[in-house]
Amino acid sequence: MVAMNSWIIDNDILQNVQSGIRTVENTTWGSAIVENRIQNNGADGITDGAGFNLIHNNDIRNNHNSGVHEHAGIGYAGIIKNVLAHNLKNGVNLNTNGSIVRNSVIQNNKRTGIRIQGNVNTVEQNKISNNRHYGILLTMQAECTRRRPHFT
């Protein structure tokens, strides 16, 4: 069964034993998670293992792992205009390539605001403050491409 192109809009997703929302590998891509309150869940607020999903304008806080955990799925995610606060690990954990985190408030998480373990991710125009360890952490898995200067 494939649950592609689904919309999850304006829900209270609270106090679940595992993640508030979980997308599974290549069967749930192309979905939108919009304007939800995802709080106090036993694992991540959102665990996205699929890719090509939009996570927009959600209030994601007080979850026992990360607010959003992007696993290396079949594609990237757009994490745009969310509040990710007071999570027990990271606000956002990017273990994927090509994702974008934009216009979000990421604060007061117990570890790191944004933890990047993939490549070619974009982080722009966010307010990242008061996280216990780092605002943004690039791990050893996050390879950087360095271009040699070309002189003519």
Protein backbone atom coordinates (compact mmCIF):
# COMPACT_ATOMS: atom_id res chain seq x y z
CA MET A 1 0.00 0.00 0.00
CA VAL A 2 1.33 3.42 -0.92
CA ALA A 3 0.26 6.64 0.84
CA MET A 4 1.77 9.22 -1.50
CA ASN A 5 0.63 12.83 -1.82
CA SER A 6 -1.24 12.88 1.50
CA TRP A 7 -2.03 16.07 3.41
CA ILE A 8 -1.92 16.20 7.22
CA ILE A 9 -3.39 19.58 8.21
CA ASP A 10 -4.40 21.28 11.48
CA ASN A 11 -4.16 18.39 13.96
CA ASP A 12 -3.14 18.07 17.58
CA ILE A 13 -0.69 15.15 17.62
CA LEU A 14 0.19 14.74 21.28
CA GLN A 15 1.69 12.25 23.75
CA ASN A 16 2.13 9.24 21.47
CA VAL A 17 4.48 6.46 22.61
CA GLN A 18 6.62 6.72 19.44
CA SER A 19 6.87 9.58 16.91
CA GLY A 20 3.95 11.91 16.37
CA ILE A 21 4.14 11.38 12.59
CA ARG A 22 6.29 8.86 10.75
CA THR A 23 6.65 8.47 7.00
CA VAL A 24 8.00 5.11 5.89
CA GLU A 25 10.71 4.68 3.26
CA ASN A 26 9.61 5.04 -0.38
CA THR A 27 5.88 4.49 0.19
CA THR A 28 4.87 7.86 1.67
CA TRP A 29 6.64 10.55 -0.34
CA GLY A 30 5.21 13.75 -1.76
CA SER A 31 3.09 14.57 1.29
CA ALA A 32 2.48 17.81 3.19
CA ILE A 33 2.43 18.21 6.97
CA VAL A 34 0.95 21.67 7.57
CA GLU A 35 -0.21 23.72 10.60
CA ASN A 36 -0.15 20.91 13.18
CA ARG A 37 0.72 20.92 16.86
CA ILE A 38 3.10 17.99 17.37
CA GLN A 39 4.08 17.82 21.03
CA ASN A 40 5.17 15.56 23.90
CA ASN A 41 5.67 12.43 21.79
CA GLY A 42 7.89 9.56 22.97
CA ALA A 43 10.32 9.72 20.03
CA ASP A 44 10.60 12.38 17.27
CA GLY A 45 7.87 14.86 16.55
CA ILE A 46 8.18 13.89 12.87
CA THR A 47 10.32 11.00 11.60
CA ASP A 48 10.54 11.34 7.81
CA GLY A 49 12.10 8.35 6.10
CA ALA A 50 10.49 8.91 2.71
CA GLY A 51 11.51 12.20 1.19
CA PHE A 52 10.01 14.82 -1.10
CA ASN A 53 7.76 15.92 1.79
CA LEU A 54 6.83 19.44 2.86
CA ILE A 55 6.82 20.22 6.59
CA HIS A 56 5.34 23.71 6.87
CA ASN A 57 4.13 25.99 9.67
CA ASN A 58 3.95 23.41 12.48
CA ASP A 59 4.50 23.86 16.22
CA ILE A 60 6.85 21.00 17.11
CA ARG A 61 8.01 20.96 20.73
CA ASN A 62 8.75 18.91 23.83
CA ASN A 63 9.32 15.63 21.97
CA HIS A 64 11.65 13.03 23.51
CA ASN A 65 14.04 12.88 20.53
CA SER A 66 14.27 15.47 17.73
CA GLY A 67 11.54 17.79 16.53
CA VAL A 68 12.08 16.64 12.93
CA HIS A 69 14.37 13.75 11.98
CA GLU A 70 14.99 13.45 8.25
CA HIS A 71 16.34 9.99 7.45
CA ALA A 72 18.20 9.24 4.24
CA GLY A 73 15.18 8.35 2.14
CA ILE A 74 14.57 8.65 -1.56
CA GLY A 75 14.75 12.42 -1.57
CA TYR A 76 14.86 15.67 0.30
CA ALA A 77 12.42 17.60 2.48
CA GLY A 78 11.31 21.19 2.79
CA ILE A 79 11.16 22.20 6.47
CA ILE A 80 9.77 25.70 6.25
CA LYS A 81 8.32 28.19 8.77
CA ASN A 82 8.09 25.85 11.78
CA VAL A 83 8.65 26.32 15.50
CA LEU A 84 10.99 23.60 16.82
CA ALA A 85 11.56 24.11 20.54
CA HIS A 86 12.30 22.29 23.81
CA ASN A 87 12.93 18.90 22.17
CA LEU A 88 15.14 16.53 24.20
CA LYS A 89 17.65 16.06 21.37
CA ASN A 90 17.78 18.30 18.28
CA GLY A 91 15.37 20.73 16.75
CA VAL A 92 16.12 19.28 13.30
CA ASN A 93 18.30 16.25 12.52
CA LEU A 94 19.15 16.09 8.80
CA ASN A 95 20.44 12.68 7.80
CA THR A 96 19.57 13.27 4.16
CA ASN A 97 20.83 15.09 1.08
CA GLY A 98 19.33 18.20 -0.48
CA SER A 99 16.89 19.22 2.26
CA ILE A 100 16.11 22.81 3.15
CA VAL A 101 15.38 24.40 6.55
CA ARG A 102 14.06 27.93 6.10
CA ASN A 103 12.27 30.67 8.08
CA SER A 104 11.94 28.58 11.24
CA VAL A 105 12.37 29.32 14.94
CA ILE A 106 14.69 26.69 16.44
CA GLN A 107 15.39 27.27 20.11
CA ASN A 108 15.86 25.77 23.57
CA ASN A 109 16.52 22.22 22.35
CA LYS A 110 18.52 20.02 24.75
CA ARG A 111 21.29 19.28 22.21
CA THR A 112 21.58 21.08 18.88
CA GLY A 113 19.35 23.39 16.88
CA ILE A 114 20.16 21.79 13.51
CA ARG A 115 22.36 18.68 13.21
CA ILE A 116 23.50 17.99 9.64
CA GLN A 117 24.76 14.53 8.66
CA GLY A 118 24.10 14.69 4.91
CA ASN A 119 25.24 16.69 1.91
CA VAL A 120 24.01 19.68 -0.08
CA ASN A 121 21.47 20.82 2.52
CA THR A 122 20.41 24.46 2.77
CA VAL A 123 19.82 26.31 6.06
CA GLU A 124 18.69 29.91 5.64
CA GLN A 125 16.77 32.71 7.31
CA ASN A 126 16.12 30.88 10.61
CA LYS A 127 16.20 32.13 14.19
CA ILE A 128 18.42 29.62 16.03
CA SER A 129 19.01 30.39 19.69
CA ASN A 130 19.54 29.02 23.21
CA ASN A 131 20.16 25.40 22.23
CA ARG A 132 22.24 23.58 24.83
CA HIS A 133 25.13 22.38 22.62
CA TYR A 134 25.26 24.03 19.18
CA GLY A 135 23.14 26.20 16.96
CA ILE A 136 24.21 24.23 13.85
CA LEU A 137 26.41 21.13 13.92
CA LEU A 138 28.03 19.72 10.78
CA THR A 139 29.09 16.16 11.57
CA MET A 140 31.83 14.10 9.93
CA GLN A 141 29.16 12.52 7.70
CA ALA A 142 28.35 15.95 6.23
CA GLU A 143 30.87 16.12 3.43
CA CYS A 144 31.76 19.48 2.01
CA THR A 145 32.70 19.88 -1.59
CA ARG A 146 35.60 22.22 -2.03
CA ARG A 147 36.16 23.56 -5.48
CA ARG A 148 39.65 24.49 -6.46
CA PRO A 149 39.94 28.03 -7.71
CA HIS A 150 40.24 28.22 -11.45
CA PHE A 151 42.80 30.75 -12.64
CA THR A 152 43.09 31.69 -16.25
